[in-house]
N, C-alpha and C. Protein backbone atom coordinates (compact mmCIF):
# COMPACT_ATOMS: atom_id res chain seq x y z
N TRP A 1 121.08 135.75 65.53
CA TRP A 1 121.20 134.69 64.56
C TRP A 1 122.59 134.73 63.99
N PRO A 2 123.33 133.72 63.79
CA PRO A 2 122.94 132.35 64.10
C PRO A 2 123.40 131.88 65.48
N TRP A 3 124.04 132.77 66.27
CA TRP A 3 124.66 132.32 67.51
C TRP A 3 123.88 132.68 68.77
N GLY A 4 122.72 133.24 68.66
CA GLY A 4 121.96 133.64 69.84
C GLY A 4 121.49 132.46 70.67
N ASP A 5 120.93 132.77 71.83
CA ASP A 5 120.30 131.71 72.62
C ASP A 5 118.79 131.89 72.51
N TYR A 6 118.07 130.80 72.59
CA TYR A 6 116.64 130.80 72.31
C TYR A 6 115.85 130.23 73.48
N ASP A 7 114.81 130.95 73.89
CA ASP A 7 113.92 130.49 74.97
C ASP A 7 113.02 129.39 74.44
N CYS A 8 112.96 128.29 75.17
CA CYS A 8 112.15 127.15 74.77
C CYS A 8 111.38 126.62 75.97
N MET A 9 110.35 125.84 75.71
CA MET A 9 109.64 125.15 76.77
C MET A 9 108.98 123.90 76.23
N ILE A 10 108.83 122.94 77.10
CA ILE A 10 108.09 121.72 76.81
C ILE A 10 107.10 121.55 77.95
N LYS A 11 105.83 121.48 77.61
CA LYS A 11 104.80 121.30 78.64
C LYS A 11 104.10 119.97 78.40
N MET A 12 104.04 119.14 79.46
CA MET A 12 103.39 117.83 79.39
C MET A 12 102.32 117.75 80.45
N GLY A 13 101.21 117.19 80.09
CA GLY A 13 100.11 117.04 81.03
C GLY A 13 98.91 116.44 80.33
N SER A 14 97.79 116.45 80.98
CA SER A 14 96.57 115.90 80.41
C SER A 14 95.43 116.90 80.52
N TRP A 15 94.65 117.01 79.48
CA TRP A 15 93.44 117.84 79.51
C TRP A 15 92.25 117.00 79.94
N THR A 16 92.42 115.70 79.99
CA THR A 16 91.32 114.79 80.27
C THR A 16 91.35 114.26 81.70
N PHE A 17 92.53 113.91 82.18
CA PHE A 17 92.66 113.27 83.49
C PHE A 17 93.16 114.26 84.53
N ASP A 18 92.50 114.28 85.68
CA ASP A 18 92.94 115.17 86.76
C ASP A 18 94.05 114.51 87.57
N GLY A 19 94.57 115.24 88.53
CA GLY A 19 95.67 114.77 89.35
C GLY A 19 95.34 113.57 90.23
N ASN A 20 94.06 113.29 90.46
CA ASN A 20 93.67 112.11 91.22
C ASN A 20 93.71 110.87 90.35
N MET A 21 93.61 111.05 89.03
CA MET A 21 93.62 109.92 88.10
C MET A 21 95.01 109.69 87.50
N MET A 22 95.79 110.76 87.38
CA MET A 22 97.12 110.66 86.79
C MET A 22 98.06 111.54 87.60
N ASN A 23 98.94 110.91 88.35
CA ASN A 23 99.87 111.64 89.21
C ASN A 23 101.19 111.84 88.49
N LEU A 24 101.42 113.04 87.96
CA LEU A 24 102.68 113.33 87.28
C LEU A 24 103.80 113.51 88.30
N THR A 25 104.96 113.01 87.96
CA THR A 25 106.15 113.22 88.80
C THR A 25 107.34 113.51 87.89
N LYS A 26 108.34 114.16 88.45
CA LYS A 26 109.56 114.43 87.71
C LYS A 26 110.40 113.16 87.66
N TYR A 27 111.04 112.90 86.54
CA TYR A 27 111.90 111.73 86.39
C TYR A 27 113.09 111.85 87.34
N GLU A 28 113.26 110.88 88.18
CA GLU A 28 114.32 110.85 89.19
C GLU A 28 114.33 112.13 90.03
N ASN A 29 113.16 112.77 90.15
CA ASN A 29 112.96 113.99 90.94
C ASN A 29 113.89 115.15 90.50
N LYS A 30 114.21 115.18 89.21
CA LYS A 30 115.09 116.22 88.68
C LYS A 30 114.26 117.34 88.05
N ASP A 31 114.74 118.58 88.17
CA ASP A 31 114.06 119.74 87.60
C ASP A 31 114.54 120.05 86.18
N TYR A 32 115.23 119.12 85.56
CA TYR A 32 115.79 119.36 84.24
C TYR A 32 115.68 118.12 83.36
N ILE A 33 115.93 118.32 82.08
CA ILE A 33 115.91 117.24 81.08
C ILE A 33 117.35 116.80 80.86
N ILE A 34 117.57 115.50 80.75
CA ILE A 34 118.91 114.95 80.57
C ILE A 34 119.17 114.69 79.09
N MET A 35 120.30 115.18 78.57
CA MET A 35 120.68 114.96 77.18
C MET A 35 121.88 114.04 77.03
N GLU A 36 122.49 113.59 78.10
CA GLU A 36 123.76 112.88 78.03
C GLU A 36 123.71 111.60 77.21
N ALA A 37 122.60 110.89 77.19
CA ALA A 37 122.53 109.62 76.46
C ALA A 37 122.79 109.83 74.97
N LEU A 38 122.27 110.88 74.41
CA LEU A 38 122.48 111.16 72.99
C LEU A 38 123.95 111.46 72.73
N ASP A 39 124.58 112.27 73.57
CA ASP A 39 125.99 112.60 73.39
C ASP A 39 126.88 111.36 73.50
N LEU A 40 126.57 110.45 74.41
CA LEU A 40 127.39 109.26 74.59
C LEU A 40 127.26 108.30 73.41
N GLN A 41 126.09 108.23 72.81
CA GLN A 41 125.86 107.29 71.71
C GLN A 41 126.60 107.70 70.44
N VAL A 42 126.65 108.98 70.14
CA VAL A 42 127.17 109.42 68.86
C VAL A 42 128.51 110.12 68.97
N GLY A 43 128.87 110.61 70.14
CA GLY A 43 130.13 111.32 70.30
C GLY A 43 129.93 112.81 70.52
N LYS A 44 131.04 113.54 70.56
CA LYS A 44 130.94 114.95 70.94
C LYS A 44 130.21 115.81 69.93
N TYR A 45 130.03 115.35 68.69
CA TYR A 45 129.30 116.12 67.69
C TYR A 45 127.87 115.63 67.52
N ALA A 46 127.35 114.91 68.51
CA ALA A 46 126.01 114.35 68.43
C ALA A 46 124.96 115.42 68.23
N SER A 47 125.06 116.50 68.93
CA SER A 47 124.09 117.58 68.81
C SER A 47 124.85 118.90 68.74
N SER A 48 124.37 119.77 67.88
CA SER A 48 125.01 121.08 67.79
C SER A 48 124.43 122.05 68.81
N LEU A 49 123.50 121.59 69.66
CA LEU A 49 122.85 122.45 70.65
C LEU A 49 123.27 122.10 72.06
N ILE A 50 123.27 123.11 72.93
CA ILE A 50 123.44 122.89 74.37
C ILE A 50 122.32 123.60 75.10
N PHE A 51 122.01 123.11 76.29
CA PHE A 51 121.20 123.87 77.22
C PHE A 51 122.16 124.87 77.87
N THR A 52 121.80 126.14 77.92
CA THR A 52 122.70 127.13 78.52
C THR A 52 122.54 127.14 80.04
N GLU A 53 123.53 127.74 80.72
CA GLU A 53 123.56 127.73 82.18
C GLU A 53 122.36 128.40 82.82
N ASP A 54 121.65 129.25 82.10
CA ASP A 54 120.47 129.92 82.66
C ASP A 54 119.18 129.17 82.35
N SER A 55 119.28 127.86 82.18
CA SER A 55 118.12 126.99 81.93
C SER A 55 117.63 126.33 83.21
N PHE A 56 116.40 125.89 83.20
CA PHE A 56 115.81 125.07 84.26
C PHE A 56 115.91 125.73 85.64
N LYS A 57 115.51 126.97 85.75
CA LYS A 57 115.59 127.72 87.01
C LYS A 57 114.36 127.53 87.89
N GLU A 58 113.30 126.96 87.33
CA GLU A 58 112.04 126.82 88.08
C GLU A 58 111.68 125.35 88.26
N ASN A 59 110.90 125.07 89.27
CA ASN A 59 110.35 123.75 89.46
C ASN A 59 109.33 123.50 88.34
N PRO A 60 109.51 122.45 87.52
CA PRO A 60 108.61 122.25 86.39
C PRO A 60 107.23 121.70 86.76
N LEU A 61 107.09 121.13 87.95
CA LEU A 61 105.81 120.52 88.33
C LEU A 61 104.83 121.60 88.79
N GLU A 62 103.73 121.73 88.06
CA GLU A 62 102.70 122.71 88.37
C GLU A 62 101.39 122.00 88.70
N THR A 63 100.71 122.48 89.71
CA THR A 63 99.38 121.97 90.07
C THR A 63 98.42 123.14 90.07
N LYS A 64 97.34 123.00 89.31
CA LYS A 64 96.34 124.08 89.20
C LYS A 64 94.97 123.58 89.59
N PHE A 65 94.18 124.48 90.13
CA PHE A 65 92.78 124.22 90.41
C PHE A 65 91.96 125.21 89.60
N TYR A 66 90.85 124.74 89.05
CA TYR A 66 89.99 125.58 88.22
C TYR A 66 88.64 125.79 88.91
N PRO A 67 87.97 126.92 88.65
CA PRO A 67 86.69 127.23 89.30
C PRO A 67 85.63 126.15 89.10
N CYS A 68 85.71 125.44 87.99
CA CYS A 68 84.70 124.43 87.67
C CYS A 68 84.85 123.14 88.46
N CYS A 69 86.06 122.91 88.98
CA CYS A 69 86.37 121.55 89.45
C CYS A 69 87.11 121.58 90.78
N ASP A 70 86.88 120.57 91.60
CA ASP A 70 87.58 120.44 92.88
C ASP A 70 88.92 119.73 92.73
N GLU A 71 89.11 119.01 91.62
CA GLU A 71 90.30 118.19 91.44
C GLU A 71 91.50 119.04 91.00
N PRO A 72 92.71 118.59 91.37
CA PRO A 72 93.91 119.27 90.90
C PRO A 72 94.25 118.81 89.48
N TYR A 73 94.85 119.68 88.70
CA TYR A 73 95.34 119.35 87.37
C TYR A 73 96.83 119.65 87.34
N GLN A 74 97.61 118.64 86.95
CA GLN A 74 99.06 118.76 86.99
C GLN A 74 99.66 118.86 85.59
N SER A 75 100.80 119.51 85.53
CA SER A 75 101.58 119.53 84.30
C SER A 75 103.06 119.66 84.66
N LEU A 76 103.89 119.24 83.74
CA LEU A 76 105.33 119.43 83.84
C LEU A 76 105.70 120.44 82.76
N ASN A 77 106.24 121.57 83.17
CA ASN A 77 106.54 122.65 82.25
C ASN A 77 108.03 123.00 82.38
N TYR A 78 108.83 122.43 81.48
CA TYR A 78 110.27 122.67 81.49
C TYR A 78 110.59 123.90 80.65
N ARG A 79 111.23 124.89 81.24
CA ARG A 79 111.66 126.11 80.54
C ARG A 79 113.19 126.12 80.49
N PHE A 80 113.71 126.34 79.30
CA PHE A 80 115.15 126.28 79.12
C PHE A 80 115.57 127.13 77.92
N LYS A 81 116.88 127.31 77.81
CA LYS A 81 117.46 128.04 76.68
C LYS A 81 118.43 127.11 75.96
N VAL A 82 118.44 127.21 74.65
CA VAL A 82 119.40 126.44 73.85
C VAL A 82 120.25 127.40 73.05
N GLN A 83 121.45 126.94 72.75
CA GLN A 83 122.36 127.71 71.92
C GLN A 83 123.15 126.74 71.05
N ARG A 84 123.45 127.17 69.86
CA ARG A 84 124.20 126.35 68.92
C ARG A 84 125.68 126.37 69.27
N LYS A 85 126.32 125.16 69.35
CA LYS A 85 127.75 125.06 69.62
C LYS A 85 128.55 125.29 68.34
N TRP A 86 128.05 124.79 67.23
CA TRP A 86 128.75 124.87 65.96
C TRP A 86 127.74 124.79 64.83
N ARG A 87 128.19 125.12 63.65
CA ARG A 87 127.36 124.96 62.45
C ARG A 87 128.27 124.57 61.29
N MET A 88 127.66 123.93 60.31
CA MET A 88 128.40 123.55 59.12
C MET A 88 128.20 124.63 58.06
N THR A 89 129.29 125.04 57.44
CA THR A 89 129.25 126.01 56.34
C THR A 89 129.96 125.38 55.14
N GLU A 90 130.00 126.09 54.05
CA GLU A 90 130.70 125.57 52.87
C GLU A 90 132.20 125.41 53.13
N LYS A 91 132.72 126.08 54.18
CA LYS A 91 134.14 125.99 54.54
C LYS A 91 134.40 124.93 55.62
N GLY A 92 133.34 124.29 56.10
CA GLY A 92 133.49 123.28 57.13
C GLY A 92 132.82 123.69 58.43
N MET A 93 133.23 123.08 59.53
CA MET A 93 132.63 123.36 60.83
C MET A 93 133.09 124.71 61.37
N GLU A 94 132.12 125.51 61.80
CA GLU A 94 132.41 126.82 62.39
C GLU A 94 131.93 126.81 63.83
N SER A 95 132.82 127.08 64.78
CA SER A 95 132.46 127.10 66.20
C SER A 95 131.82 128.42 66.58
N ASN A 96 130.96 128.37 67.57
CA ASN A 96 130.28 129.56 68.07
C ASN A 96 131.29 130.46 68.80
N PRO A 97 131.46 131.70 68.34
CA PRO A 97 132.42 132.58 69.01
C PRO A 97 131.92 133.17 70.33
N SER A 98 130.63 133.05 70.60
CA SER A 98 130.07 133.63 71.84
C SER A 98 129.28 132.58 72.62
N LEU A 99 129.81 131.38 72.70
CA LEU A 99 129.12 130.28 73.37
C LEU A 99 129.03 130.53 74.87
N LYS A 100 127.82 130.39 75.41
CA LYS A 100 127.62 130.51 76.86
C LYS A 100 128.05 129.22 77.55
N ASN A 101 128.13 129.27 78.86
CA ASN A 101 128.43 128.07 79.63
C ASN A 101 127.26 127.10 79.54
N LYS A 102 127.62 125.84 79.54
CA LYS A 102 126.64 124.76 79.45
C LYS A 102 125.96 124.54 80.79
N PHE A 103 124.67 124.20 80.76
CA PHE A 103 123.93 123.87 81.98
C PHE A 103 124.59 122.66 82.64
N GLN A 104 124.82 122.75 83.94
CA GLN A 104 125.44 121.67 84.70
C GLN A 104 124.39 120.90 85.48
N GLU A 105 124.26 119.63 85.18
CA GLU A 105 123.32 118.79 85.91
C GLU A 105 123.82 118.57 87.33
N GLU A 106 122.89 118.34 88.23
CA GLU A 106 123.23 118.15 89.64
C GLU A 106 123.97 116.85 89.86
């Protein structure tokens, strides 16, 4: 704290509908989440967070079968790390002295 990197995840899916009723797919077949739209709208200080280079190493699309049911159940589980680029203090903007490399989209 305050400059560490933090493990995060976002899991999306349905507990009600199986994979035959709701076919989840990755947006534009990408294994990562895109943040560029926010940065372009507000400028380089739009977000004080970055996805670090060790983010999105796994395929987020998961398909599971349960003993009770023959149907597949799908979810999208994005795992990533975030780190703060800067923070505001009483003296103004303070840059992160140990900032990791930013995740590079394909």
